[in-house]
PDB file of all heavy atoms in Angstrom:
ATOM      1  N   ARG A   1      10.310   9.794   0.007  1.00  0.00           N
ATOM      2  CA  ARG A   1       9.644  10.061   1.257  1.00  0.00           C
ATOM      3  C   ARG A   1       8.203  10.339   0.857  1.00  0.00           C
ATOM      4  O   ARG A   1       7.816  11.119   0.086  1.00  0.00           O
ATOM      5  CB  ARG A   1      10.260  11.354   1.843  1.00  0.00           C
ATOM      6  CG  ARG A   1       9.703  11.770   3.220  1.00  0.00           C
ATOM      7  CD  ARG A   1      10.441  12.876   3.906  1.00  0.00           C
ATOM      8  NE  ARG A   1       9.930  13.078   5.200  1.00  0.00           N
ATOM      9  CZ  ARG A   1       9.117  14.116   5.567  1.00  0.00           C
ATOM     10  NH1 ARG A   1       8.853  15.067   4.641  1.00  0.00           N
ATOM     11  NH2 ARG A   1       8.590  14.234   6.721  1.00  0.00           N
ATOM     12  N   GLY A   2       7.272   9.545   1.585  1.00  0.00           N
ATOM     13  CA  GLY A   2       5.972   9.658   1.246  1.00  0.00           C
ATOM     14  C   GLY A   2       5.048   8.944   2.127  1.00  0.00           C
ATOM     15  O   GLY A   2       5.535   8.278   3.092  1.00  0.00           O
ATOM     16  N   ASP A   3       3.754   9.035   1.944  1.00  0.00           N
ATOM     17  CA  ASP A   3       2.659   8.537   2.853  1.00  0.00           C
ATOM     18  C   ASP A   3       2.130   7.202   2.349  1.00  0.00           C
ATOM     19  O   ASP A   3       1.724   7.182   1.187  1.00  0.00           O
ATOM     20  CB  ASP A   3       1.584   9.605   2.870  1.00  0.00           C
ATOM     21  CG  ASP A   3       0.479   9.350   3.890  1.00  0.00           C
ATOM     22  OD1 ASP A   3       0.391   8.146   4.259  1.00  0.00           O
ATOM     23  OD2 ASP A   3      -0.294  10.293   4.203  1.00  0.00           O
ATOM     24  N   MET A   4       2.099   6.224   3.092  1.00  0.00           N
ATOM     25  CA  MET A   4       1.644   4.886   2.615  1.00  0.00           C
ATOM     26  C   MET A   4       0.161   4.938   2.389  1.00  0.00           C
ATOM     27  O   MET A   4      -0.371   4.014   1.699  1.00  0.00           O
ATOM     28  CB  MET A   4       1.957   3.853   3.740  1.00  0.00           C
ATOM     29  CG  MET A   4       1.199   4.007   5.023  1.00  0.00           C
ATOM     30  SD  MET A   4       1.367   2.541   6.152  1.00  0.00           S
ATOM     31  CE  MET A   4       3.140   2.549   6.449  1.00  0.00           C
ATOM     32  N   PHE A   5      -0.596   5.967   2.719  1.00  0.00           N
ATOM     33  CA  PHE A   5      -1.972   6.029   2.527  1.00  0.00           C
ATOM     34  C   PHE A   5      -2.194   6.934   1.153  1.00  0.00           C
ATOM     35  O   PHE A   5      -3.376   6.979   0.726  1.00  0.00           O
ATOM     36  CB  PHE A   5      -2.792   6.731   3.691  1.00  0.00           C
ATOM     37  CG  PHE A   5      -2.528   5.930   4.943  1.00  0.00           C
ATOM     38  CD1 PHE A   5      -1.825   6.519   5.981  1.00  0.00           C
ATOM     39  CD2 PHE A   5      -2.995   4.643   5.056  1.00  0.00           C
ATOM     40  CE1 PHE A   5      -1.629   5.700   7.051  1.00  0.00           C
ATOM     41  CE2 PHE A   5      -2.904   3.931   6.193  1.00  0.00           C
ATOM     42  CZ  PHE A   5      -2.144   4.415   7.300  1.00  0.00           C
ATOM     43  N   GLN A   6      -1.217   7.438   0.637  1.00  0.00           N
ATOM     44  CA  GLN A   6      -1.301   8.274  -0.614  1.00  0.00           C
ATOM     45  C   GLN A   6      -0.046   8.124  -1.584  1.00  0.00           C
ATOM     46  O   GLN A   6       0.725   8.924  -1.671  1.00  0.00           O
ATOM     47  CB  GLN A   6      -1.431   9.829  -0.279  1.00  0.00           C
ATOM     48  CG  GLN A   6      -2.814  10.125   0.417  1.00  0.00           C
ATOM     49  CD  GLN A   6      -2.952  11.641   0.596  1.00  0.00           C
ATOM     50  OE1 GLN A   6      -1.972  12.303   1.067  1.00  0.00           O
ATOM     51  NE2 GLN A   6      -4.056  12.206   0.450  1.00  0.00           N
ATOM     52  N   MET A   7       0.140   6.791  -1.824  1.00  0.00           N
ATOM     53  CA  MET A   7       1.407   6.484  -2.545  1.00  0.00           C
ATOM     54  C   MET A   7       1.321   6.985  -4.107  1.00  0.00           C
ATOM     55  O   MET A   7       0.222   6.784  -4.702  1.00  0.00           O
ATOM     56  CB  MET A   7       1.538   4.942  -2.535  1.00  0.00           C
ATOM     57  CG  MET A   7       1.913   4.503  -1.116  1.00  0.00           C
ATOM     58  SD  MET A   7       2.491   2.809  -1.080  1.00  0.00           S
ATOM     59  CE  MET A   7       0.840   1.936  -1.117  1.00  0.00           C
ATOM     60  N   PRO A   8       2.397   7.483  -4.567  1.00  0.00           N
ATOM     61  CA  PRO A   8       2.439   8.104  -5.889  1.00  0.00           C
ATOM     62  C   PRO A   8       2.681   7.057  -6.989  1.00  0.00           C
ATOM     63  O   PRO A   8       3.474   7.420  -7.915  1.00  0.00           O
ATOM     64  CB  PRO A   8       3.543   9.166  -5.889  1.00  0.00           C
ATOM     65  CG  PRO A   8       4.499   8.567  -4.898  1.00  0.00           C
ATOM     66  CD  PRO A   8       3.710   7.783  -3.815  1.00  0.00           C
ATOM     67  N   PHE A   9       2.004   5.962  -7.064  1.00  0.00           N
ATOM     68  CA  PHE A   9       2.189   4.941  -8.003  1.00  0.00           C
ATOM     69  C   PHE A   9       0.859   4.397  -8.543  1.00  0.00           C
ATOM     70  O   PHE A   9      -0.032   4.499  -7.813  1.00  0.00           O
ATOM     71  CB  PHE A   9       3.031   3.784  -7.475  1.00  0.00           C
ATOM     72  CG  PHE A   9       4.223   4.286  -6.610  1.00  0.00           C
ATOM     73  CD1 PHE A   9       4.283   3.988  -5.312  1.00  0.00           C
ATOM     74  CD2 PHE A   9       5.381   4.788  -7.202  1.00  0.00           C
ATOM     75  CE1 PHE A   9       5.309   4.423  -4.502  1.00  0.00           C
ATOM     76  CE2 PHE A   9       6.434   5.184  -6.552  1.00  0.00           C
ATOM     77  CZ  PHE A   9       6.514   4.962  -5.135  1.00  0.00           C
ATOM     78  N   LYS A  10       0.873   3.905  -9.827  1.00  0.00           N
ATOM     79  CA  LYS A  10      -0.325   3.236 -10.406  1.00  0.00           C
ATOM     80  C   LYS A  10       0.075   2.110 -11.034  1.00  0.00           C
ATOM     81  O   LYS A  10       0.724   2.194 -12.153  1.00  0.00           O
ATOM     82  CB  LYS A  10      -0.925   4.293 -11.326  1.00  0.00           C
ATOM     83  CG  LYS A  10      -2.274   3.847 -11.808  1.00  0.00           C
ATOM     84  CD  LYS A  10      -3.378   3.872 -10.847  1.00  0.00           C
ATOM     85  CE  LYS A  10      -4.743   3.551 -11.455  1.00  0.00           C
ATOM     86  NZ  LYS A  10      -5.863   3.516 -10.455  1.00  0.00           N
ATOM     87  N   ALA A  11      -0.199   0.926 -10.606  1.00  0.00           N
ATOM     88  CA  ALA A  11       0.045  -0.416 -11.314  1.00  0.00           C
ATOM     89  C   ALA A  11       1.458  -0.472 -11.827  1.00  0.00           C
ATOM     90  O   ALA A  11       1.712  -0.831 -12.916  1.00  0.00           O
ATOM     91  CB  ALA A  11      -1.008  -0.597 -12.437  1.00  0.00           C
ATOM     92  N   GLU A  12       2.407  -0.174 -10.949  1.00  0.00           N
ATOM     93  CA  GLU A  12       3.850  -0.196 -11.341  1.00  0.00           C
ATOM     94  C   GLU A  12       4.655  -1.394 -10.889  1.00  0.00           C
ATOM     95  O   GLU A  12       5.769  -1.719 -11.370  1.00  0.00           O
ATOM     96  CB  GLU A  12       4.534   1.085 -10.818  1.00  0.00           C
ATOM     97  CG  GLU A  12       4.036   2.402 -11.378  1.00  0.00           C
ATOM     98  CD  GLU A  12       4.779   3.604 -10.950  1.00  0.00           C
ATOM     99  OE1 GLU A  12       5.978   3.401 -10.739  1.00  0.00           O
ATOM    100  OE2 GLU A  12       4.279   4.584 -10.731  1.00  0.00           O
ATOM    101  N   PHE A  13       4.141  -2.191  -9.877  1.00  0.00           N
ATOM    102  CA  PHE A  13       5.012  -3.100  -9.283  1.00  0.00           C
ATOM    103  C   PHE A  13       4.471  -4.592  -9.316  1.00  0.00           C
ATOM    104  O   PHE A  13       3.335  -4.887  -9.263  1.00  0.00           O
ATOM    105  CB  PHE A  13       5.195  -2.748  -7.617  1.00  0.00           C
ATOM    106  CG  PHE A  13       5.815  -1.422  -7.533  1.00  0.00           C
ATOM    107  CD1 PHE A  13       4.965  -0.302  -7.259  1.00  0.00           C
ATOM    108  CD2 PHE A  13       7.177  -1.343  -7.622  1.00  0.00           C
ATOM    109  CE1 PHE A  13       5.654   0.936  -7.159  1.00  0.00           C
ATOM    110  CE2 PHE A  13       7.679  -0.004  -7.518  1.00  0.00           C
ATOM    111  CZ  PHE A  13       6.947   1.101  -7.237  1.00  0.00           C
ATOM    112  N   ASP A  14       5.437  -5.491  -9.623  1.00  0.00           N
ATOM    113  CA  ASP A  14       5.128  -6.956  -9.593  1.00  0.00           C
ATOM    114  C   ASP A  14       5.098  -7.459  -8.085  1.00  0.00           C
ATOM    115  O   ASP A  14       4.434  -8.492  -7.878  1.00  0.00           O
ATOM    116  CB  ASP A  14       6.313  -7.662 -10.204  1.00  0.00           C
ATOM    117  CG  ASP A  14       6.545  -7.175 -11.603  1.00  0.00           C
ATOM    118  OD1 ASP A  14       5.796  -7.277 -12.513  1.00  0.00           O
ATOM    119  OD2 ASP A  14       7.663  -6.504 -11.767  1.00  0.00           O
ATOM    120  N   LEU A  15       5.761  -6.722  -7.192  1.00  0.00           N
ATOM    121  CA  LEU A  15       5.847  -7.196  -5.742  1.00  0.00           C
ATOM    122  C   LEU A  15       5.849  -5.884  -4.873  1.00  0.00           C
ATOM    123  O   LEU A  15       6.481  -5.044  -5.197  1.00  0.00           O
ATOM    124  CB  LEU A  15       7.096  -7.928  -5.596  1.00  0.00           C
ATOM    125  CG  LEU A  15       7.471  -8.373  -4.169  1.00  0.00           C
ATOM    126  CD1 LEU A  15       6.479  -9.365  -3.657  1.00  0.00           C
ATOM    127  CD2 LEU A  15       8.947  -9.053  -4.216  1.00  0.00           C
ATOM    128  N   ALA A  16       5.158  -5.981  -3.856  1.00  0.00           N
ATOM    129  CA  ALA A  16       5.213  -5.041  -2.731  1.00  0.00           C
ATOM    130  C   ALA A  16       5.323  -5.807  -1.390  1.00  0.00           C
ATOM    131  O   ALA A  16       4.727  -6.891  -1.248  1.00  0.00           O
ATOM    132  CB  ALA A  16       4.090  -4.123  -2.629  1.00  0.00           C
ATOM    133  N   ILE A  17       6.120  -5.252  -0.528  1.00  0.00           N
ATOM    134  CA  ILE A  17       6.244  -5.808   0.800  1.00  0.00           C
ATOM    135  C   ILE A  17       6.034  -4.835   1.819  1.00  0.00           C
ATOM    136  O   ILE A  17       6.229  -3.530   1.583  1.00  0.00           O
ATOM    137  CB  ILE A  17       7.566  -6.543   1.009  1.00  0.00           C
ATOM    138  CG1 ILE A  17       8.742  -5.547   1.060  1.00  0.00           C
ATOM    139  CG2 ILE A  17       7.763  -7.631  -0.030  1.00  0.00           C
ATOM    140  CD1 ILE A  17      10.056  -6.101   1.523  1.00  0.00           C
ATOM    141  N   THR A  18       5.739  -5.246   3.057  1.00  0.00           N
ATOM    142  CA  THR A  18       5.938  -4.333   4.176  1.00  0.00           C
ATOM    143  C   THR A  18       6.332  -5.195   5.455  1.00  0.00           C
ATOM    144  O   THR A  18       5.814  -6.314   5.565  1.00  0.00           O
ATOM    145  CB  THR A  18       4.691  -3.490   4.572  1.00  0.00           C
ATOM    146  OG1 THR A  18       5.066  -2.442   5.532  1.00  0.00           O
ATOM    147  CG2 THR A  18       3.626  -4.334   5.202  1.00  0.00           C
ATOM    148  N   LEU A  19       7.420  -4.698   6.194  1.00  0.00           N
ATOM    149  CA  LEU A  19       7.928  -5.632   7.179  1.00  0.00           C
ATOM    150  C   LEU A  19       8.011  -4.774   8.469  1.00  0.00           C
ATOM    151  O   LEU A  19       8.650  -3.665   8.367  1.00  0.00           O
ATOM    152  CB  LEU A  19       9.283  -6.196   6.832  1.00  0.00           C
ATOM    153  CG  LEU A  19       9.362  -6.996   5.589  1.00  0.00           C
ATOM    154  CD1 LEU A  19      10.816  -7.258   5.206  1.00  0.00           C
ATOM    155  CD2 LEU A  19       8.725  -8.363   5.983  1.00  0.00           C
ATOM    156  N   SER A  20       7.331  -5.078   9.559  1.00  0.00           N
ATOM    157  CA  SER A  20       7.298  -4.395  10.780  1.00  0.00           C
ATOM    158  C   SER A  20       6.682  -2.998  10.648  1.00  0.00           C
ATOM    159  O   SER A  20       6.963  -2.024  11.520  1.00  0.00           O
ATOM    160  CB  SER A  20       8.808  -4.206  11.321  1.00  0.00           C
ATOM    161  OG  SER A  20       9.415  -5.503  11.525  1.00  0.00           O
ATOM    162  N   SER A  21       5.826  -2.671   9.697  1.00  0.00           N
ATOM    163  CA  SER A  21       5.176  -1.484   9.538  1.00  0.00           C
ATOM    164  C   SER A  21       3.715  -1.389   9.771  1.00  0.00           C
ATOM    165  O   SER A  21       3.115  -0.395   9.787  1.00  0.00           O
ATOM    166  CB  SER A  21       5.411  -0.991   8.082  1.00  0.00           C
ATOM    167  OG  SER A  21       6.774  -0.676   7.830  1.00  0.00           O
ATOM    168  N   LEU A  22       3.162  -2.580  10.011  1.00  0.00           N
ATOM    169  CA  LEU A  22       1.631  -2.697  10.116  1.00  0.00           C
ATOM    170  C   LEU A  22       1.148  -2.078  11.421  1.00  0.00           C
ATOM    171  O   LEU A  22       0.016  -1.599  11.469  1.00  0.00           O
ATOM    172  CB  LEU A  22       1.219  -4.134  10.072  1.00  0.00           C
ATOM    173  CG  LEU A  22       1.461  -4.855   8.689  1.00  0.00           C
ATOM    174  CD1 LEU A  22       1.076  -6.331   8.886  1.00  0.00           C
ATOM    175  CD2 LEU A  22       0.726  -4.257   7.632  1.00  0.00           C
ATOM    176  N   GLY A  23       2.097  -1.964  12.378  1.00  0.00           N
ATOM    177  CA  GLY A  23       1.634  -1.203  13.624  1.00  0.00           C
ATOM    178  C   GLY A  23       1.417   0.209  13.461  1.00  0.00           C
ATOM    179  O   GLY A  23       0.915   0.914  14.439  1.00  0.00           O
ATOM    180  N   HIS A  24       1.913   0.830  12.353  1.00  0.00           N
ATOM    181  CA  HIS A  24       1.650   2.184  12.076  1.00  0.00           C
ATOM    182  C   HIS A  24       0.298   2.536  11.501  1.00  0.00           C
ATOM    183  O   HIS A  24       0.011   3.682  11.253  1.00  0.00           O
ATOM    184  CB  HIS A  24       2.724   2.720  11.209  1.00  0.00           C
ATOM    185  CG  HIS A  24       4.237   2.620  11.729  1.00  0.00           C
ATOM    186  ND1 HIS A  24       4.507   3.348  12.852  1.00  0.00           N
ATOM    187  CD2 HIS A  24       5.231   2.039  11.315  1.00  0.00           C
ATOM    188  CE1 HIS A  24       5.708   3.061  13.153  1.00  0.00           C
ATOM    189  NE2 HIS A  24       6.268   2.298  12.184  1.00  0.00           N
ATOM    190  N   ILE A  25      -0.511   1.494  11.291  1.00  0.00           N
ATOM    191  CA  ILE A  25      -1.801   1.655  10.541  1.00  0.00           C
ATOM    192  C   ILE A  25      -2.860   1.519  11.622  1.00  0.00           C
ATOM    193  O   ILE A  25      -3.064   0.383  12.283  1.00  0.00           O
ATOM    194  CB  ILE A  25      -1.962   0.608   9.483  1.00  0.00           C
ATOM    195  CG1 ILE A  25      -0.832   0.688   8.510  1.00  0.00           C
ATOM    196  CG2 ILE A  25      -3.263   0.741   8.839  1.00  0.00           C
ATOM    197  CD1 ILE A  25      -0.765  -0.499   7.556  1.00  0.00           C
ATOM    198  N   LEU A  26      -3.659   2.607  11.892  1.00  0.00           N
ATOM    199  CA  LEU A  26      -4.672   2.563  12.811  1.00  0.00           C
ATOM    200  C   LEU A  26      -5.879   1.710  12.206  1.00  0.00           C
ATOM    201  O   LEU A  26      -5.984   1.656  10.923  1.00  0.00           O
ATOM    202  CB  LEU A  26      -5.225   3.961  13.124  1.00  0.00           C
ATOM    203  CG  LEU A  26      -4.231   4.849  13.837  1.00  0.00           C
ATOM    204  CD1 LEU A  26      -4.837   6.211  13.992  1.00  0.00           C
ATOM    205  CD2 LEU A  26      -4.079   4.230  15.266  1.00  0.00           C
ATOM    206  N   LYS A  27      -6.773   1.187  13.025  1.00  0.00           N
ATOM    207  CA  LYS A  27      -7.913   0.377  12.499  1.00  0.00           C
ATOM    208  C   LYS A  27      -8.741   1.049  11.509  1.00  0.00           C
ATOM    209  O   LYS A  27      -9.162   0.462  10.500  1.00  0.00           O
ATOM    210  CB  LYS A  27      -8.700  -0.021  13.885  1.00  0.00           C
ATOM    211  CG  LYS A  27      -9.885  -1.007  13.403  1.00  0.00           C
ATOM    212  CD  LYS A  27     -10.714  -1.453  14.699  1.00  0.00           C
ATOM    213  CE  LYS A  27     -11.776  -2.378  14.298  1.00  0.00           C
ATOM    214  NZ  LYS A  27     -12.538  -2.823  15.490  1.00  0.00           N
ATOM    215  N   LYS A  28      -8.948   2.428  11.754  1.00  0.00           N
ATOM    216  CA  LYS A  28      -9.847   3.118  10.808  1.00  0.00           C
ATOM    217  C   LYS A  28      -9.101   3.300   9.432  1.00  0.00           C
ATOM    218  O   LYS A  28      -9.758   3.655   8.499  1.00  0.00           O
ATOM    219  CB  LYS A  28     -10.104   4.530  11.379  1.00  0.00           C
ATOM    220  CG  LYS A  28      -8.912   5.534  11.517  1.00  0.00           C
ATOM    221  CD  LYS A  28      -9.311   6.813  12.099  1.00  0.00           C
ATOM    222  CE  LYS A  28      -8.105   7.697  12.213  1.00  0.00           C
ATOM    223  NZ  LYS A  28      -7.545   8.210  10.954  1.00  0.00           N
ATOM    224  N   ASP A  29      -7.793   3.047   9.333  1.00  0.00           N
ATOM    225  CA  ASP A  29      -7.088   3.374   8.102  1.00  0.00           C
ATOM    226  C   ASP A  29      -6.797   1.962   7.340  1.00  0.00           C
ATOM    227  O   ASP A  29      -6.087   2.079   6.291  1.00  0.00           O
ATOM    228  CB  ASP A  29      -5.842   4.112   8.314  1.00  0.00           C
ATOM    229  CG  ASP A  29      -6.083   5.461   8.922  1.00  0.00           C
ATOM    230  OD1 ASP A  29      -7.029   6.197   8.407  1.00  0.00           O
ATOM    231  OD2 ASP A  29      -5.210   5.919   9.683  1.00  0.00           O
ATOM    232  N   ARG A  30      -7.027   0.940   7.853  1.00  0.00           N
ATOM    233  CA  ARG A  30      -6.692  -0.343   7.223  1.00  0.00           C
ATOM    234  C   ARG A  30      -7.132  -0.539   5.848  1.00  0.00           C
ATOM    235  O   ARG A  30      -6.475  -0.848   4.867  1.00  0.00           O
ATOM    236  CB  ARG A  30      -7.138  -1.583   8.152  1.00  0.00           C
ATOM    237  CG  ARG A  30      -6.335  -1.665   9.429  1.00  0.00           C
ATOM    238  CD  ARG A  30      -6.839  -2.892  10.315  1.00  0.00           C
ATOM    239  NE  ARG A  30      -6.501  -2.589  11.599  1.00  0.00           N
ATOM    240  CZ  ARG A  30      -7.120  -3.314  12.605  1.00  0.00           C
ATOM    241  NH1 ARG A  30      -8.021  -4.144  12.363  1.00  0.00           N
ATOM    242  NH2 ARG A  30      -6.727  -3.101  13.836  1.00  0.00           N
ATOM    243  N   VAL A  31      -8.545  -0.307   5.672  1.00  0.00           N
ATOM    244  CA  VAL A  31      -9.057  -0.423   4.233  1.00  0.00           C
ATOM    245  C   VAL A  31      -8.359   0.524   3.217  1.00  0.00           C
ATOM    246  O   VAL A  31      -8.126   0.221   2.201  1.00  0.00           O
ATOM    247  CB  VAL A  31     -10.570  -0.218   4.297  1.00  0.00           C
ATOM    248  CG1 VAL A  31     -11.131  -0.217   2.859  1.00  0.00           C
ATOM    249  CG2 VAL A  31     -11.272  -1.357   5.150  1.00  0.00           C
ATOM    250  N   LYS A  32      -8.120   1.812   3.768  1.00  0.00           N
ATOM    251  CA  LYS A  32      -7.516   2.842   2.890  1.00  0.00           C
ATOM    252  C   LYS A  32      -6.105   2.351   2.453  1.00  0.00           C
ATOM    253  O   LYS A  32      -5.804   2.400   1.317  1.00  0.00           O
ATOM    254  CB  LYS A  32      -7.355   4.094   3.632  1.00  0.00           C
ATOM    255  CG  LYS A  32      -6.803   5.260   2.907  1.00  0.00           C
ATOM    256  CD  LYS A  32      -6.460   6.438   3.638  1.00  0.00           C
ATOM    257  CE  LYS A  32      -7.599   7.024   4.557  1.00  0.00           C
ATOM    258  NZ  LYS A  32      -7.188   8.280   5.251  1.00  0.00           N
ATOM    259  N   PHE A  33      -5.416   1.640   3.476  1.00  0.00           N
ATOM    260  CA  PHE A  33      -4.153   1.157   3.084  1.00  0.00           C
ATOM    261  C   PHE A  33      -4.294  -0.039   2.071  1.00  0.00           C
ATOM    262  O   PHE A  33      -3.452  -0.022   1.059  1.00  0.00           O
ATOM    263  CB  PHE A  33      -3.412   0.659   4.352  1.00  0.00           C
ATOM    264  CG  PHE A  33      -2.167   0.049   4.066  1.00  0.00           C
ATOM    265  CD1 PHE A  33      -1.001   0.713   3.643  1.00  0.00           C
ATOM    266  CD2 PHE A  33      -2.045  -1.346   4.304  1.00  0.00           C
ATOM    267  CE1 PHE A  33       0.154  -0.012   3.466  1.00  0.00           C
ATOM    268  CE2 PHE A  33      -0.829  -1.986   4.046  1.00  0.00           C
ATOM    269  CZ  PHE A  33       0.344  -1.362   3.648  1.00  0.00           C
ATOM    270  N   ILE A  34      -5.064  -0.891   2.367  1.00  0.00           N
ATOM    271  CA  ILE A  34      -5.206  -2.060   1.385  1.00  0.00           C
ATOM    272  C   ILE A  34      -5.629  -1.600  -0.007  1.00  0.00           C
ATOM    273  O   ILE A  34      -5.093  -2.166  -0.976  1.00  0.00           O
ATOM    274  CB  ILE A  34      -6.274  -3.043   1.993  1.00  0.00           C
ATOM    275  CG1 ILE A  34      -5.772  -3.690   3.258  1.00  0.00           C
ATOM    276  CG2 ILE A  34      -6.596  -4.136   1.005  1.00  0.00           C
ATOM    277  CD1 ILE A  34      -6.828  -4.427   4.110  1.00  0.00           C
ATOM    278  N   ARG A  35      -6.451  -0.613  -0.081  1.00  0.00           N
ATOM    279  CA  ARG A  35      -6.917  -0.079  -1.464  1.00  0.00           C
ATOM    280  C   ARG A  35      -5.625   0.574  -2.126  1.00  0.00           C
ATOM    281  O   ARG A  35      -5.427   0.432  -3.393  1.00  0.00           O
ATOM    282  CB  ARG A  35      -7.912   0.894  -1.277  1.00  0.00           C
ATOM    283  CG  ARG A  35      -9.264   0.358  -0.970  1.00  0.00           C
ATOM    284  CD  ARG A  35     -10.371   1.393  -0.820  1.00  0.00           C
ATOM    285  NE  ARG A  35     -11.566   0.778  -0.460  1.00  0.00           N
ATOM    286  CZ  ARG A  35     -12.719   1.424   0.100  1.00  0.00           C
ATOM    287  NH1 ARG A  35     -12.655   2.703   0.347  1.00  0.00           N
ATOM    288  NH2 ARG A  35     -13.958   0.787   0.310  1.00  0.00           N
ATOM    289  N   GLN A  36      -4.835   1.197  -1.326  1.00  0.00           N
ATOM    290  CA  GLN A  36      -3.547   1.768  -1.929  1.00  0.00           C
ATOM    291  C   GLN A  36      -2.633   0.663  -2.511  1.00  0.00           C
ATOM    292  O   GLN A  36      -2.038   0.845  -3.508  1.00  0.00           O
ATOM    293  CB  GLN A  36      -2.858   2.595  -0.947  1.00  0.00           C
ATOM    294  CG  GLN A  36      -3.403   3.945  -0.727  1.00  0.00           C
ATOM    295  CD  GLN A  36      -3.015   4.902  -1.862  1.00  0.00           C
ATOM    296  OE1 GLN A  36      -1.942   5.234  -2.018  1.00  0.00           O
ATOM    297  NE2 GLN A  36      -4.078   5.190  -2.548  1.00  0.00           N
ATOM    298  N   VAL A  37      -2.573  -0.455  -1.700  1.00  0.00           N
ATOM    299  CA  VAL A  37      -1.676  -1.526  -2.125  1.00  0.00           C
ATOM    300  C   VAL A  37      -2.211  -2.060  -3.423  1.00  0.00           C
ATOM    301  O   VAL A  37      -1.314  -2.401  -4.393  1.00  0.00           O
ATOM    302  CB  VAL A  37      -1.595  -2.619  -1.093  1.00  0.00           C
ATOM    303  CG1 VAL A  37      -0.863  -3.861  -1.513  1.00  0.00           C
ATOM    304  CG2 VAL A  37      -0.929  -2.101   0.139  1.00  0.00           C
ATOM    305  N   TYR A  38      -3.558  -2.248  -3.518  1.00  0.00           N
ATOM    306  CA  TYR A  38      -4.098  -2.756  -4.725  1.00  0.00           C
ATOM    307  C   TYR A  38      -3.794  -1.987  -5.916  1.00  0.00           C
ATOM    308  O   TYR A  38      -3.467  -2.382  -7.053  1.00  0.00           O
ATOM    309  CB  TYR A  38      -5.615  -2.798  -4.543  1.00  0.00           C
ATOM    310  CG  TYR A  38      -6.395  -3.612  -5.563  1.00  0.00           C
ATOM    311  CD1 TYR A  38      -6.667  -4.959  -5.329  1.00  0.00           C
ATOM    312  CD2 TYR A  38      -6.740  -3.053  -6.801  1.00  0.00           C
ATOM    313  CE1 TYR A  38      -7.320  -5.758  -6.465  1.00  0.00           C
ATOM    314  CE2 TYR A  38      -7.448  -3.786  -7.807  1.00  0.00           C
ATOM    315  CZ  TYR A  38      -7.768  -5.102  -7.564  1.00  0.00           C
ATOM    316  OH  TYR A  38      -8.374  -5.786  -8.493  1.00  0.00           O
ATOM    317  N   GLU A  39      -3.803  -0.571  -5.670  1.00  0.00           N
ATOM    318  CA  GLU A  39      -3.529   0.322  -6.799  1.00  0.00           C
ATOM    319  C   GLU A  39      -2.187   0.350  -7.280  1.00  0.00           C
ATOM    320  O   GLU A  39      -1.844   0.508  -8.476  1.00  0.00           O
ATOM    321  CB  GLU A  39      -3.866   1.768  -6.377  1.00  0.00           C
ATOM    322  CG  GLU A  39      -5.407   1.963  -6.218  1.00  0.00           C
ATOM    323  CD  GLU A  39      -6.157   1.729  -7.574  1.00  0.00           C
ATOM    324  OE1 GLU A  39      -5.715   2.222  -8.484  1.00  0.00           O
ATOM    325  OE2 GLU A  39      -7.164   1.099  -7.489  1.00  0.00           O
ATOM    326  N   VAL A  40      -1.150   0.158  -6.366  1.00  0.00           N
ATOM    327  CA  VAL A  40       0.322   0.245  -6.792  1.00  0.00           C
ATOM    328  C   VAL A  40       0.808  -1.038  -7.466  1.00  0.00           C
ATOM    329  O   VAL A  40       1.838  -1.054  -8.230  1.00  0.00           O
ATOM    330  CB  VAL A  40       1.154   0.506  -5.603  1.00  0.00           C
ATOM    331  CG1 VAL A  40       0.820   1.789  -4.964  1.00  0.00           C
ATOM    332  CG2 VAL A  40       1.338  -0.613  -4.682  1.00  0.00           C
ATOM    333  N   LEU A  41      -0.059  -2.261  -7.269  1.00  0.00           N
ATOM    334  CA  LEU A  41       0.401  -3.451  -7.885  1.00  0.00           C
ATOM    335  C   LEU A  41      -0.136  -3.502  -9.363  1.00  0.00           C
ATOM    336  O   LEU A  41      -1.223  -3.135  -9.635  1.00  0.00           O
ATOM    337  CB  LEU A  41      -0.188  -4.610  -7.103  1.00  0.00           C
ATOM    338  CG  LEU A  41       0.463  -4.851  -5.820  1.00  0.00           C
ATOM    339  CD1 LEU A  41      -0.263  -5.919  -4.998  1.00  0.00           C
ATOM    340  CD2 LEU A  41       1.898  -5.203  -5.851  1.00  0.00           C
ATOM    341  N   LYS A  42       0.617  -4.079 -10.188  1.00  0.00           N
ATOM    342  CA  LYS A  42       0.180  -4.637 -11.479  1.00  0.00           C
ATOM    343  C   LYS A  42      -0.780  -5.706 -11.333  1.00  0.00           C
ATOM    344  O   LYS A  42      -0.722  -6.463 -10.344  1.00  0.00           O
ATOM    345  CB  LYS A  42       1.395  -5.067 -12.396  1.00  0.00           C
ATOM    346  CG  LYS A  42       2.451  -4.097 -12.682  1.00  0.00           C
ATOM    347  CD  LYS A  42       3.625  -4.714 -13.431  1.00  0.00           C
ATOM    348  CE  LYS A  42       4.734  -3.777 -13.692  1.00  0.00           C
ATOM    349  NZ  LYS A  42       5.862  -4.361 -14.382  1.00  0.00           N
ATOM    350  N   PRO A  43      -1.668  -5.921 -12.352  1.00  0.00           N
ATOM    351  CA  PRO A  43      -2.338  -7.121 -12.179  1.00  0.00           C
ATOM    352  C   PRO A  43      -1.661  -8.454 -12.177  1.00  0.00           C
ATOM    353  O   PRO A  43      -0.581  -8.622 -12.848  1.00  0.00           O
ATOM    354  CB  PRO A  43      -3.240  -7.188 -13.685  1.00  0.00           C
ATOM    355  CG  PRO A  43      -3.317  -5.670 -13.856  1.00  0.00           C
ATOM    356  CD  PRO A  43      -2.149  -5.124 -13.377  1.00  0.00           C
ATOM    357  N   GLY A  44      -1.810  -9.309 -11.238  1.00  0.00           N
ATOM    358  CA  GLY A  44      -1.034 -10.418 -10.977  1.00  0.00           C
ATOM    359  C   GLY A  44       0.063 -10.210  -9.972  1.00  0.00           C
ATOM    360  O   GLY A  44       0.767 -11.116  -9.559  1.00  0.00           O
ATOM    361  N   GLY A  45       0.215  -8.896  -9.590  1.00  0.00           N
ATOM    362  CA  GLY A  45       1.232  -8.542  -8.550  1.00  0.00           C
ATOM    363  C   GLY A  45       0.856  -9.045  -7.227  1.00  0.00           C
ATOM    364  O   GLY A  45      -0.255  -9.227  -6.777  1.00  0.00           O
TER     365      GLY A  45
END
């Protein structure tokens, strides 16, 4: 149980997905979310 804008991971995943969740992201939070995705992926993820 956690917040997609403060994910507790650091370069741990080869793959991340989101399905039907983008509507929960306000325009002002999009860049914050994308930066979080970048952080949780391994290089090449």
